[in-house]
Amino acid sequence: MSSQDKAADSPASTGKTGDVVFKTIAYAAGILILVALAAVFLFLLFQAWPLIGGDQAANTATIESFTGNRAHNFWQYVGPLVFGTVLVSALSLIIAFFISIGIALFISAIPYNFYALLTILMMITLSVTKTDFGPMALHERNALKGDLFTTEARPYADADAHEDTSKGKVIDLVMPVVVLVIACIIGLIYTGGFFSGASFVDAFANSSASVGLVLGGAVALVFTFIYYMMRDVLSFQEFTECIRIHLTLCQ
């Protein structure tokens, strides 16, 4: 074989030097771990040998003294401990196996947005079947009986006598929602690279929902504040009070 053929077959010429180095380090680390485990085993065996192969009468007396005569030799004392350790380890392995499978399935299902589809399906199902639950069901049952207020405080019992001084109109409800939807869509395609040259579909598919929705919500919140201040629908104090109540309910 010529020197050129040897050079062609060498690890450096084929670009496998890194693989060889990594393989060598891995083997060395594995051997080091095995040697350390063997040393630990020999140390423990050396420390326990007097109890295993020493004076059995003295060992029996010692074991009976601190076990309350429940164990009379080394294996009767160690056996239940070994069995308990193996049993707990096996149970932990079984539990960890199923938990890891569940986590893997959850992570692999994230791109399919099942949570959004199931949420839409749940809302449609609740609306069609007219299903109520929790506090919503309680208020609905009381309303069917003629009690529109439910709570003992009854803060809205005099609602009919209350004079409405609000300047709000339907457009004041619609505009923030419209801006929120548009801002969230723009936020999603922005995080997906739409403004960097990606198509709308690719940008929407590769978007980051957590970032895009936060950006859209922030824009809608700022717009709503400016819009309501200009329309004099809410005062600054009322607006901030609404935000404080919302944050309190989210905790």
C-alpha atoms as a PDB file:
ATOM      1  CA  MET A   1       0.000   0.000   0.000  1.00  0.00           C
ATOM      2  CA  SER A   2       1.399   3.360  -0.990  1.00  0.00           C
ATOM      3  CA  SER A   3       1.840   6.297   1.357  1.00  0.00           C
ATOM      4  CA  GLN A   4      -0.980   8.120  -0.447  1.00  0.00           C
ATOM      5  CA  ASP A   5      -3.390   5.241   0.229  1.00  0.00           C
ATOM      6  CA  LYS A   6      -2.368   5.208   3.896  1.00  0.00           C
ATOM      7  CA  ALA A   7      -2.965   8.940   4.121  1.00  0.00           C
ATOM      8  CA  ALA A   8      -6.381   8.530   2.496  1.00  0.00           C
ATOM      9  CA  ASP A   9      -7.350   5.818   4.997  1.00  0.00           C
ATOM     10  CA  SER A  10      -6.112   7.706   8.078  1.00  0.00           C
ATOM     11  CA  PRO A  11      -8.716   9.205  10.440  1.00  0.00           C
ATOM     12  CA  ALA A  12      -7.446  12.713   9.827  1.00  0.00           C
ATOM     13  CA  SER A  13      -7.886  12.413   6.065  1.00  0.00           C
ATOM     14  CA  THR A  14     -11.434  11.073   6.351  1.00  0.00           C
ATOM     15  CA  GLY A  15     -12.515  13.705   8.844  1.00  0.00           C
ATOM     16  CA  LYS A  16     -13.100  11.232  11.707  1.00  0.00           C
ATOM     17  CA  THR A  17     -10.504  12.524  14.140  1.00  0.00           C
ATOM     18  CA  GLY A  18     -13.178  14.051  16.343  1.00  0.00           C
ATOM     19  CA  ASP A  19     -15.092  10.762  16.439  1.00  0.00           C
ATOM     20  CA  VAL A  20     -11.961   8.884  17.450  1.00  0.00           C
ATOM     21  CA  VAL A  21     -11.174  11.390  20.210  1.00  0.00           C
ATOM     22  CA  PHE A  22     -14.758  11.322  21.508  1.00  0.00           C
ATOM     23  CA  LYS A  23     -14.810   7.507  21.417  1.00  0.00           C
ATOM     24  CA  THR A  24     -11.536   7.342  23.330  1.00  0.00           C
ATOM     25  CA  ILE A  25     -12.781   9.783  25.975  1.00  0.00           C
ATOM     26  CA  ALA A  26     -16.054   7.836  26.308  1.00  0.00           C
ATOM     27  CA  TYR A  27     -14.222   4.543  26.772  1.00  0.00           C
ATOM     28  CA  ALA A  28     -11.843   6.100  29.283  1.00  0.00           C
ATOM     29  CA  ALA A  29     -14.742   7.619  31.241  1.00  0.00           C
ATOM     30  CA  GLY A  30     -16.578   4.279  31.261  1.00  0.00           C
ATOM     31  CA  ILE A  31     -13.506   2.422  32.491  1.00  0.00           C
ATOM     32  CA  LEU A  32     -12.940   5.072  35.175  1.00  0.00           C
ATOM     33  CA  ILE A  33     -16.532   4.723  36.394  1.00  0.00           C
ATOM     34  CA  LEU A  34     -16.243   0.928  36.515  1.00  0.00           C
ATOM     35  CA  VAL A  35     -12.980   1.156  38.452  1.00  0.00           C
ATOM     36  CA  ALA A  36     -14.555   3.618  40.921  1.00  0.00           C
ATOM     37  CA  LEU A  37     -17.564   1.333  41.421  1.00  0.00           C
ATOM     38  CA  ALA A  38     -15.280  -1.659  41.924  1.00  0.00           C
ATOM     39  CA  ALA A  39     -13.266   0.291  44.495  1.00  0.00           C
ATOM     40  CA  VAL A  40     -16.449   1.256  46.353  1.00  0.00           C
ATOM     41  CA  PHE A  41     -17.610  -2.382  46.298  1.00  0.00           C
ATOM     42  CA  LEU A  42     -14.281  -3.641  47.650  1.00  0.00           C
ATOM     43  CA  PHE A  43     -14.284  -0.970  50.367  1.00  0.00           C
ATOM     44  CA  LEU A  44     -17.798  -1.882  51.508  1.00  0.00           C
ATOM     45  CA  LEU A  45     -16.981  -5.586  51.357  1.00  0.00           C
ATOM     46  CA  PHE A  46     -13.843  -5.029  53.426  1.00  0.00           C
ATOM     47  CA  GLN A  47     -15.820  -3.052  56.011  1.00  0.00           C
ATOM     48  CA  ALA A  48     -18.619  -5.647  56.174  1.00  0.00           C
ATOM     49  CA  TRP A  49     -16.426  -8.745  56.107  1.00  0.00           C
ATOM     50  CA  PRO A  50     -16.124  -9.062  59.907  1.00  0.00           C
ATOM     51  CA  LEU A  51     -19.915  -9.272  60.043  1.00  0.00           C
ATOM     52  CA  ILE A  52     -20.122 -11.728  57.148  1.00  0.00           C
ATOM     53  CA  GLY A  53     -17.240 -14.092  57.868  1.00  0.00           C
ATOM     54  CA  GLY A  54     -16.205 -13.243  61.425  1.00  0.00           C
ATOM     55  CA  ASP A  55     -17.265 -14.726  64.738  1.00  0.00           C
ATOM     56  CA  GLN A  56     -20.858 -15.721  64.005  1.00  0.00           C
ATOM     57  CA  ALA A  57     -21.818 -16.017  67.671  1.00  0.00           C
ATOM     58  CA  ALA A  58     -20.686 -12.474  68.395  1.00  0.00           C
ATOM     59  CA  ASN A  59     -22.311 -11.241  65.175  1.00  0.00           C
ATOM     60  CA  THR A  60     -25.589 -12.942  66.106  1.00  0.00           C
ATOM     61  CA  ALA A  61     -25.573 -11.340  69.533  1.00  0.00           C
ATOM     62  CA  THR A  62     -24.844  -7.927  68.020  1.00  0.00           C
ATOM     63  CA  ILE A  63     -27.603  -8.246  65.418  1.00  0.00           C
ATOM     64  CA  GLU A  64     -30.139  -9.481  67.972  1.00  0.00           C
ATOM     65  CA  SER A  65     -29.270  -6.609  70.290  1.00  0.00           C
ATOM     66  CA  PHE A  66     -30.152  -3.773  67.897  1.00  0.00           C
ATOM     67  CA  THR A  67     -32.971  -5.566  66.037  1.00  0.00           C
ATOM     68  CA  GLY A  68     -34.875  -6.648  69.128  1.00  0.00           C
ATOM     69  CA  ASN A  69     -34.378 -10.355  68.332  1.00  0.00           C
ATOM     70  CA  ARG A  70     -36.221  -9.927  65.030  1.00  0.00           C
ATOM     71  CA  ALA A  71     -33.078 -10.948  63.085  1.00  0.00           C
ATOM     72  CA  HIS A  72     -30.482 -13.522  64.118  1.00  0.00           C
ATOM     73  CA  ASN A  73     -27.916 -13.349  61.311  1.00  0.00           C
ATOM     74  CA  PHE A  74     -26.565 -11.043  58.660  1.00  0.00           C
ATOM     75  CA  TRP A  75     -28.868 -12.173  55.851  1.00  0.00           C
ATOM     76  CA  GLN A  76     -32.008 -11.979  57.964  1.00  0.00           C
ATOM     77  CA  TYR A  77     -31.111  -8.388  58.750  1.00  0.00           C
ATOM     78  CA  VAL A  78     -29.966  -7.329  55.266  1.00  0.00           C
ATOM     79  CA  GLY A  79     -32.524  -9.329  53.260  1.00  0.00           C
ATOM     80  CA  PRO A  80     -35.578  -7.134  53.998  1.00  0.00           C
ATOM     81  CA  LEU A  81     -33.541  -3.984  53.397  1.00  0.00           C
ATOM     82  CA  VAL A  82     -32.350  -5.252  50.017  1.00  0.00           C
ATOM     83  CA  PHE A  83     -35.880  -6.361  49.112  1.00  0.00           C
ATOM     84  CA  GLY A  84     -37.323  -2.960  50.086  1.00  0.00           C
ATOM     85  CA  THR A  85     -34.663  -1.112  48.118  1.00  0.00           C
ATOM     86  CA  VAL A  86     -35.233  -3.231  45.006  1.00  0.00           C
ATOM     87  CA  LEU A  87     -39.022  -2.938  45.331  1.00  0.00           C
ATOM     88  CA  VAL A  88     -38.972   0.857  45.693  1.00  0.00           C
ATOM     89  CA  SER A  89     -36.496   1.169  42.813  1.00  0.00           C
ATOM     90  CA  ALA A  90     -38.702  -1.000  40.598  1.00  0.00           C
ATOM     91  CA  LEU A  91     -41.815   1.003  41.466  1.00  0.00           C
ATOM     92  CA  SER A  92     -39.945   4.261  40.818  1.00  0.00           C
ATOM     93  CA  LEU A  93     -38.764   2.919  37.458  1.00  0.00           C
ATOM     94  CA  ILE A  94     -42.293   1.915  36.463  1.00  0.00           C
ATOM     95  CA  ILE A  95     -43.739   5.286  37.498  1.00  0.00           C
ATOM     96  CA  ALA A  96     -40.910   7.191  35.773  1.00  0.00           C
ATOM     97  CA  PHE A  97     -41.447   5.139  32.601  1.00  0.00           C
ATOM     98  CA  PHE A  98     -45.110   6.070  32.257  1.00  0.00           C
ATOM     99  CA  ILE A  99     -44.461   9.691  33.246  1.00  0.00           C
ATOM    100  CA  SER A 100     -41.693   9.971  30.642  1.00  0.00           C
ATOM    101  CA  ILE A 101     -43.992   8.482  28.000  1.00  0.00           C
ATOM    102  CA  GLY A 102     -46.656  11.036  28.934  1.00  0.00           C
ATOM    103  CA  ILE A 103     -44.196  13.939  28.781  1.00  0.00           C
ATOM    104  CA  ALA A 104     -42.872  12.723  25.425  1.00  0.00           C
ATOM    105  CA  LEU A 105     -46.403  12.481  24.011  1.00  0.00           C
ATOM    106  CA  PHE A 106     -47.251  15.940  25.359  1.00  0.00           C
ATOM    107  CA  ILE A 107     -44.155  17.519  23.805  1.00  0.00           C
ATOM    108  CA  SER A 108     -44.636  15.735  20.477  1.00  0.00           C
ATOM    109  CA  ALA A 109     -48.285  16.882  20.344  1.00  0.00           C
ATOM    110  CA  ILE A 110     -47.513  20.582  20.921  1.00  0.00           C
ATOM    111  CA  PRO A 111     -47.089  21.424  17.184  1.00  0.00           C
ATOM    112  CA  TYR A 112     -50.583  20.105  16.460  1.00  0.00           C
ATOM    113  CA  ASN A 113     -52.237  22.701  18.760  1.00  0.00           C
ATOM    114  CA  PHE A 114     -54.642  20.165  20.228  1.00  0.00           C
ATOM    115  CA  TYR A 115     -55.311  22.502  23.152  1.00  0.00           C
ATOM    116  CA  ALA A 116     -56.742  25.170  20.832  1.00  0.00           C
ATOM    117  CA  LEU A 117     -58.859  22.698  18.875  1.00  0.00           C
ATOM    118  CA  LEU A 118     -60.160  21.009  22.022  1.00  0.00           C
ATOM    119  CA  THR A 119     -60.944  24.397  23.579  1.00  0.00           C
ATOM    120  CA  ILE A 120     -63.018  25.384  20.550  1.00  0.00           C
ATOM    121  CA  LEU A 121     -64.736  21.989  20.612  1.00  0.00           C
ATOM    122  CA  MET A 122     -65.476  22.379  24.327  1.00  0.00           C
ATOM    123  CA  MET A 123     -66.992  25.852  23.854  1.00  0.00           C
ATOM    124  CA  ILE A 124     -69.184  24.646  20.993  1.00  0.00           C
ATOM    125  CA  THR A 125     -70.287  21.619  23.010  1.00  0.00           C
ATOM    126  CA  LEU A 126     -71.155  23.710  26.075  1.00  0.00           C
ATOM    127  CA  SER A 127     -73.100  26.182  23.938  1.00  0.00           C
ATOM    128  CA  VAL A 128     -75.074  23.545  22.012  1.00  0.00           C
ATOM    129  CA  THR A 129     -75.842  21.338  25.016  1.00  0.00           C
ATOM    130  CA  LYS A 130     -76.433  24.364  27.293  1.00  0.00           C
ATOM    131  CA  THR A 131     -74.240  22.775  29.958  1.00  0.00           C
ATOM    132  CA  ASP A 132     -73.383  24.859  33.015  1.00  0.00           C
ATOM    133  CA  PHE A 133     -70.990  23.980  35.827  1.00  0.00           C
ATOM    134  CA  GLY A 134     -69.495  25.539  38.926  1.00  0.00           C
ATOM    135  CA  PRO A 135     -70.604  29.070  39.902  1.00  0.00           C
ATOM    136  CA  MET A 136     -72.101  29.500  36.433  1.00  0.00           C
ATOM    137  CA  ALA A 137     -74.527  26.614  37.075  1.00  0.00           C
ATOM    138  CA  LEU A 138     -75.423  28.027  40.506  1.00  0.00           C
ATOM    139  CA  HIS A 139     -76.315  31.463  39.107  1.00  0.00           C
ATOM    140  CA  GLU A 140     -78.239  29.897  36.227  1.00  0.00           C
ATOM    141  CA  ARG A 141     -80.369  27.747  38.547  1.00  0.00           C
ATOM    142  CA  ASN A 142     -81.081  30.726  40.814  1.00  0.00           C
ATOM    143  CA  ALA A 143     -81.991  32.876  37.806  1.00  0.00           C
ATOM    144  CA  LEU A 144     -84.524  30.262  36.681  1.00  0.00           C
ATOM    145  CA  LYS A 145     -86.103  30.542  40.150  1.00  0.00           C
ATOM    146  CA  GLY A 146     -86.342  34.335  39.861  1.00  0.00           C
ATOM    147  CA  ASP A 147     -83.225  35.176  41.899  1.00  0.00           C
ATOM    148  CA  LEU A 148     -81.064  37.284  39.614  1.00  0.00           C
ATOM    149  CA  PHE A 149     -78.496  38.258  42.225  1.00  0.00           C
ATOM    150  CA  THR A 150     -77.674  34.961  44.039  1.00  0.00           C
ATOM    151  CA  THR A 151     -75.222  36.407  46.562  1.00  0.00           C
ATOM    152  CA  GLU A 152     -76.324  37.442  50.035  1.00  0.00           C
ATOM    153  CA  ALA A 153     -74.879  40.949  49.594  1.00  0.00           C
ATOM    154  CA  ARG A 154     -77.112  41.463  46.515  1.00  0.00           C
ATOM    155  CA  PRO A 155     -75.054  44.439  45.248  1.00  0.00           C
ATOM    156  CA  TYR A 156     -77.209  44.905  42.125  1.00  0.00           C
ATOM    157  CA  ALA A 157     -80.642  44.677  43.734  1.00  0.00           C
ATOM    158  CA  ASP A 158     -81.282  48.370  42.990  1.00  0.00           C
ATOM    159  CA  ALA A 159     -79.914  48.220  39.467  1.00  0.00           C
ATOM    160  CA  ASP A 160     -83.189  49.379  37.942  1.00  0.00           C
ATOM    161  CA  ALA A 161     -83.114  52.579  40.013  1.00  0.00           C
ATOM    162  CA  HIS A 162     -79.506  53.293  39.094  1.00  0.00           C
ATOM    163  CA  GLU A 163     -79.028  56.155  36.661  1.00  0.00           C
ATOM    164  CA  ASP A 164     -76.765  55.226  33.783  1.00  0.00           C
ATOM    165  CA  THR A 165     -74.239  58.003  33.287  1.00  0.00           C
ATOM    166  CA  SER A 166     -71.951  55.997  30.987  1.00  0.00           C
ATOM    167  CA  LYS A 167     -70.908  57.488  27.649  1.00  0.00           C
ATOM    168  CA  GLY A 168     -70.118  54.106  26.198  1.00  0.00           C
ATOM    169  CA  LYS A 169     -71.543  52.781  22.958  1.00  0.00           C
ATOM    170  CA  VAL A 170     -71.434  49.457  21.171  1.00  0.00           C
ATOM    171  CA  ILE A 171     -68.421  50.593  19.162  1.00  0.00           C
ATOM    172  CA  ASP A 172     -66.499  50.956  22.426  1.00  0.00           C
ATOM    173  CA  LEU A 173     -66.885  47.213  22.970  1.00  0.00           C
ATOM    174  CA  VAL A 174     -66.226  46.185  19.382  1.00  0.00           C
ATOM    175  CA  MET A 175     -63.134  48.275  18.624  1.00  0.00           C
ATOM    176  CA  PRO A 176     -60.832  46.844  21.348  1.00  0.00           C
ATOM    177  CA  VAL A 177     -61.782  43.284  20.336  1.00  0.00           C
ATOM    178  CA  VAL A 178     -61.152  43.984  16.654  1.00  0.00           C
ATOM    179  CA  VAL A 179     -57.785  45.579  17.430  1.00  0.00           C
ATOM    180  CA  LEU A 180     -56.915  42.659  19.729  1.00  0.00           C
ATOM    181  CA  VAL A 181     -57.610  40.093  16.994  1.00  0.00           C
ATOM    182  CA  ILE A 182     -55.686  42.032  14.350  1.00  0.00           C
ATOM    183  CA  ALA A 183     -52.762  42.756  16.704  1.00  0.00           C
ATOM    184  CA  CYS A 184     -52.516  39.102  17.760  1.00  0.00           C
ATOM    185  CA  ILE A 185     -52.486  37.926  14.144  1.00  0.00           C
ATOM    186  CA  ILE A 186     -49.769  40.450  13.296  1.00  0.00           C
ATOM    187  CA  GLY A 187     -47.838  39.412  16.408  1.00  0.00           C
ATOM    188  CA  LEU A 188     -48.023  35.751  15.416  1.00  0.00           C
ATOM    189  CA  ILE A 189     -46.842  36.243  11.851  1.00  0.00           C
ATOM    190  CA  TYR A 190     -44.154  38.640  13.121  1.00  0.00           C
ATOM    191  CA  THR A 191     -42.690  35.933  15.325  1.00  0.00           C
ATOM    192  CA  GLY A 192     -42.918  33.507  12.397  1.00  0.00           C
ATOM    193  CA  GLY A 193     -40.726  35.689  10.183  1.00  0.00           C
ATOM    194  CA  PHE A 194     -43.385  37.183   7.897  1.00  0.00           C
ATOM    195  CA  PHE A 195     -41.628  40.556   7.815  1.00  0.00           C
ATOM    196  CA  SER A 196     -38.322  38.808   7.060  1.00  0.00           C
ATOM    197  CA  GLY A 197     -39.546  37.261   3.824  1.00  0.00           C
ATOM    198  CA  ALA A 198     -41.549  34.198   4.904  1.00  0.00           C
ATOM    199  CA  SER A 199     -44.970  33.571   3.394  1.00  0.00           C
ATOM    200  CA  PHE A 200     -48.086  34.155   5.464  1.00  0.00           C
ATOM    201  CA  VAL A 201     -48.810  30.441   5.828  1.00  0.00           C
ATOM    202  CA  ASP A 202     -45.210  29.563   6.776  1.00  0.00           C
ATOM    203  CA  ALA A 203     -45.022  32.484   9.196  1.00  0.00           C
ATOM    204  CA  PHE A 204     -48.263  31.449  10.869  1.00  0.00           C
ATOM    205  CA  ALA A 205     -47.144  27.807  11.083  1.00  0.00           C
ATOM    206  CA  ASN A 206     -43.749  28.725  12.569  1.00  0.00           C
ATOM    207  CA  SER A 207     -45.064  31.417  14.918  1.00  0.00           C
ATOM    208  CA  SER A 208     -44.491  31.517  18.656  1.00  0.00           C
ATOM    209  CA  ALA A 209     -47.923  31.729  20.252  1.00  0.00           C
ATOM    210  CA  SER A 210     -46.632  32.798  23.656  1.00  0.00           C
ATOM    211  CA  VAL A 211     -44.681  35.755  22.259  1.00  0.00           C
ATOM    212  CA  GLY A 212     -47.129  36.727  19.516  1.00  0.00           C
ATOM    213  CA  LEU A 213     -50.190  36.778  21.781  1.00  0.00           C
ATOM    214  CA  VAL A 214     -48.366  38.789  24.437  1.00  0.00           C
ATOM    215  CA  LEU A 215     -47.344  41.362  21.819  1.00  0.00           C
ATOM    216  CA  GLY A 216     -50.886  41.504  20.444  1.00  0.00           C
ATOM    217  CA  GLY A 217     -52.388  41.848  23.918  1.00  0.00           C
ATOM    218  CA  ALA A 218     -49.980  44.630  24.825  1.00  0.00           C
ATOM    219  CA  VAL A 219     -50.814  46.580  21.647  1.00  0.00           C
ATOM    220  CA  ALA A 220     -54.549  46.098  22.230  1.00  0.00           C
ATOM    221  CA  LEU A 221     -54.216  47.246  25.847  1.00  0.00           C
ATOM    222  CA  VAL A 222     -52.384  50.426  24.861  1.00  0.00           C
ATOM    223  CA  PHE A 223     -54.907  51.101  22.083  1.00  0.00           C
ATOM    224  CA  THR A 224     -57.841  50.559  24.452  1.00  0.00           C
ATOM    225  CA  PHE A 225     -56.364  52.941  27.006  1.00  0.00           C
ATOM    226  CA  ILE A 226     -55.802  55.723  24.457  1.00  0.00           C
ATOM    227  CA  TYR A 227     -59.176  55.100  22.802  1.00  0.00           C
ATOM    228  CA  TYR A 228     -61.117  55.197  26.071  1.00  0.00           C
ATOM    229  CA  MET A 229     -59.286  58.297  27.241  1.00  0.00           C
ATOM    230  CA  MET A 230     -60.099  60.071  23.983  1.00  0.00           C
ATOM    231  CA  ARG A 231     -63.721  58.942  24.070  1.00  0.00           C
ATOM    232  CA  ASP A 232     -63.979  59.766  27.806  1.00  0.00           C
ATOM    233  CA  VAL A 233     -65.600  56.382  28.396  1.00  0.00           C
ATOM    234  CA  LEU A 234     -63.517  55.628  31.490  1.00  0.00           C
ATOM    235  CA  SER A 235     -61.372  57.754  33.709  1.00  0.00           C
ATOM    236  CA  PHE A 236     -57.727  56.899  34.285  1.00  0.00           C
ATOM    237  CA  GLN A 237     -58.538  55.648  37.782  1.00  0.00           C
ATOM    238  CA  GLU A 238     -61.360  53.427  36.529  1.00  0.00           C
ATOM    239  CA  PHE A 239     -59.148  51.982  33.800  1.00  0.00           C
ATOM    240  CA  THR A 240     -56.328  51.120  36.198  1.00  0.00           C
ATOM    241  CA  GLU A 241     -58.867  49.690  38.651  1.00  0.00           C
ATOM    242  CA  CYS A 242     -60.098  47.344  35.922  1.00  0.00           C
ATOM    243  CA  ILE A 243     -56.513  46.169  35.322  1.00  0.00           C
ATOM    244  CA  ARG A 244     -55.970  45.657  39.061  1.00  0.00           C
ATOM    245  CA  ILE A 245     -59.136  43.570  39.395  1.00  0.00           C
ATOM    246  CA  HIS A 246     -58.167  41.495  36.376  1.00  0.00           C
ATOM    247  CA  LEU A 247     -54.704  40.796  37.747  1.00  0.00           C
ATOM    248  CA  THR A 248     -56.203  39.874  41.119  1.00  0.00           C
ATOM    249  CA  LEU A 249     -58.556  37.378  39.498  1.00  0.00           C
ATOM    250  CA  CYS A 250     -55.692  35.857  37.504  1.00  0.00           C
ATOM    251  CA  GLN A 251     -53.655  35.076  40.617  1.00  0.00           C
END
